[in-house]
Amino acid sequence: MAKITEDSYVKYARARDPYASPELLEELSYDADEGVVWEVAGNLSTPVHVLVRLSKHPALRVRWTVAVNDNTPVETLIGLASDRCYDVRRGVEENANTPPLVKLWLTSDYSKSMTLEEFLEYTGAKQ
């Protein structure tokens, strides 16, 4: 983790600012300080393409924050539903925009016996 400096506090504040410009949030999403990136992932003003990229971030807390962000696209939530980390999958389950069948898969034994793609084919949701 990066050493927190006065400059870090400014970046954290800018990353969580709901009025931050999309360009600034995109720039901060590449910051070396994972905490700054985490704040960007949770900002409802973060551009969708940045959320999509951050959904593949190596840090669990960044992916989880993308999973619970109300502006994360459904396609990205579906991808995160198969994340290797249980907490990220729970975040997808908690997101109001997650499709009902994906939530059903996440909360049932189906997720232990078949992939999400297999489940969607099984239910006829994916042709």
Protein backbone atom coordinates (compact mmCIF):
# COMPACT_ATOMS: atom_id res chain seq x y z
CA MET A 1 0.00 0.00 0.00
CA ALA A 2 1.26 3.47 -0.84
CA LYS A 3 2.37 5.80 1.92
CA ILE A 4 -0.40 8.27 2.73
CA THR A 5 0.73 11.86 2.29
CA GLU A 6 -1.07 15.18 2.27
CA ASP A 7 -1.22 14.85 -1.52
CA SER A 8 -2.91 11.46 -1.04
CA TYR A 9 -5.68 13.05 1.02
CA VAL A 10 -6.31 15.51 -1.80
CA LYS A 11 -6.49 12.67 -4.35
CA TYR A 12 -8.85 10.69 -2.10
CA ALA A 13 -11.13 13.73 -1.78
CA ARG A 14 -11.08 14.35 -5.52
CA ALA A 15 -11.78 10.67 -6.27
CA ARG A 16 -14.89 10.63 -4.06
CA ASP A 17 -16.17 14.06 -5.19
CA PRO A 18 -19.57 13.51 -6.85
CA TYR A 19 -18.91 16.57 -9.02
CA ALA A 20 -15.52 15.42 -10.29
CA SER A 21 -15.20 15.46 -14.06
CA PRO A 22 -15.21 12.18 -15.95
CA GLU A 23 -11.70 12.98 -17.20
CA LEU A 24 -10.37 13.46 -13.67
CA LEU A 25 -11.98 10.24 -12.46
CA GLU A 26 -10.50 8.32 -15.37
CA GLU A 27 -7.06 9.77 -14.61
CA LEU A 28 -7.36 8.89 -10.92
CA SER A 29 -8.48 5.35 -11.80
CA TYR A 30 -4.89 4.69 -12.89
CA ASP A 31 -3.36 5.98 -9.65
CA ALA A 32 -0.71 3.82 -7.97
CA ASP A 33 -2.55 4.18 -4.64
CA GLU A 34 -5.16 1.42 -4.54
CA GLY A 35 -7.22 3.48 -2.10
CA VAL A 36 -7.64 6.25 -4.64
CA VAL A 37 -8.74 3.70 -7.26
CA TRP A 38 -11.17 2.23 -4.72
CA GLU A 39 -12.71 5.67 -4.19
CA VAL A 40 -13.08 6.12 -7.97
CA ALA A 41 -14.83 2.73 -8.22
CA GLY A 42 -17.40 3.85 -5.68
CA ASN A 43 -18.06 7.26 -7.19
CA LEU A 44 -21.45 7.39 -8.93
CA SER A 45 -19.97 9.90 -11.40
CA THR A 46 -17.33 7.48 -12.64
CA PRO A 47 -17.74 6.82 -16.38
CA VAL A 48 -19.10 3.41 -17.30
CA HIS A 49 -16.03 2.46 -19.37
CA VAL A 50 -13.87 3.07 -16.28
CA LEU A 51 -16.12 0.84 -14.15
CA VAL A 52 -15.88 -1.88 -16.79
CA ARG A 53 -12.07 -1.71 -16.70
CA LEU A 54 -11.95 -1.61 -12.89
CA SER A 55 -14.13 -4.74 -12.74
CA LYS A 56 -10.95 -6.61 -13.71
CA HIS A 57 -8.73 -4.87 -11.15
CA PRO A 58 -6.56 -7.24 -9.08
CA ALA A 59 -7.73 -5.76 -5.76
CA LEU A 60 -10.78 -7.39 -4.21
CA ARG A 61 -12.06 -4.17 -2.68
CA VAL A 62 -11.99 -2.39 -6.03
CA ARG A 63 -13.92 -5.20 -7.77
CA TRP A 64 -16.41 -5.38 -4.87
CA THR A 65 -16.99 -1.62 -5.05
CA VAL A 66 -17.61 -1.86 -8.80
CA ALA A 67 -20.06 -4.72 -8.08
CA VAL A 68 -22.15 -2.57 -5.72
CA ASN A 69 -21.95 0.63 -7.80
CA ASP A 70 -25.44 1.41 -9.14
CA ASN A 71 -23.98 2.57 -12.45
CA THR A 72 -22.15 -0.64 -13.29
CA PRO A 73 -23.60 -2.06 -16.52
CA VAL A 74 -25.57 -5.29 -16.34
CA GLU A 75 -23.07 -7.05 -18.62
CA THR A 76 -20.28 -6.21 -16.19
CA LEU A 77 -22.35 -7.40 -13.21
CA ILE A 78 -22.93 -10.69 -15.02
CA GLY A 79 -19.17 -11.04 -15.50
CA LEU A 80 -18.51 -10.24 -11.83
CA ALA A 81 -21.08 -12.85 -10.78
CA SER A 82 -18.44 -15.47 -11.61
CA ASP A 83 -15.61 -13.68 -9.78
CA ARG A 84 -13.29 -15.98 -7.85
CA CYS A 85 -13.97 -14.00 -4.67
CA TYR A 86 -17.12 -14.67 -2.66
CA ASP A 87 -17.36 -11.04 -1.47
CA VAL A 88 -17.44 -9.73 -5.04
CA ARG A 89 -20.19 -12.21 -5.93
CA ARG A 90 -22.15 -11.04 -2.85
CA GLY A 91 -21.75 -7.46 -4.05
CA VAL A 92 -23.28 -8.44 -7.39
CA GLU A 93 -26.14 -10.11 -5.54
CA GLU A 94 -26.77 -6.91 -3.56
CA ASN A 95 -26.82 -4.66 -6.64
CA ALA A 96 -30.41 -3.73 -7.56
CA ASN A 97 -29.51 -3.82 -11.27
CA THR A 98 -28.44 -7.46 -11.25
CA PRO A 99 -30.89 -9.53 -13.30
CA PRO A 100 -33.16 -11.78 -11.19
CA LEU A 101 -31.88 -15.02 -12.77
CA VAL A 102 -28.29 -14.07 -11.94
CA LYS A 103 -29.34 -13.38 -8.34
CA LEU A 104 -31.11 -16.75 -8.24
CA TRP A 105 -27.96 -18.51 -9.48
CA LEU A 106 -25.82 -16.70 -6.91
CA THR A 107 -28.10 -17.62 -4.00
CA SER A 108 -28.82 -21.22 -4.95
CA ASP A 109 -27.03 -24.53 -5.12
CA TYR A 110 -26.97 -24.13 -8.90
CA SER A 111 -23.86 -21.98 -8.54
CA LYS A 112 -22.06 -25.00 -7.05
CA SER A 113 -23.04 -27.41 -9.80
CA MET A 114 -23.02 -25.35 -12.98
CA THR A 115 -21.56 -22.16 -14.40
CA LEU A 116 -23.72 -19.09 -14.80
CA GLU A 117 -23.70 -19.58 -18.56
CA GLU A 118 -24.88 -23.19 -18.16
CA PHE A 119 -27.59 -22.04 -15.73
CA LEU A 120 -28.85 -19.38 -18.15
CA GLU A 121 -28.98 -21.97 -20.93
CA TYR A 122 -30.76 -24.41 -18.57
CA THR A 123 -33.42 -21.83 -17.72
CA GLY A 124 -33.83 -20.84 -21.37
CA ALA A 125 -32.66 -17.29 -20.70
CA LYS A 126 -29.73 -17.66 -23.08
CA GLN A 127 -30.38 -18.85 -26.59
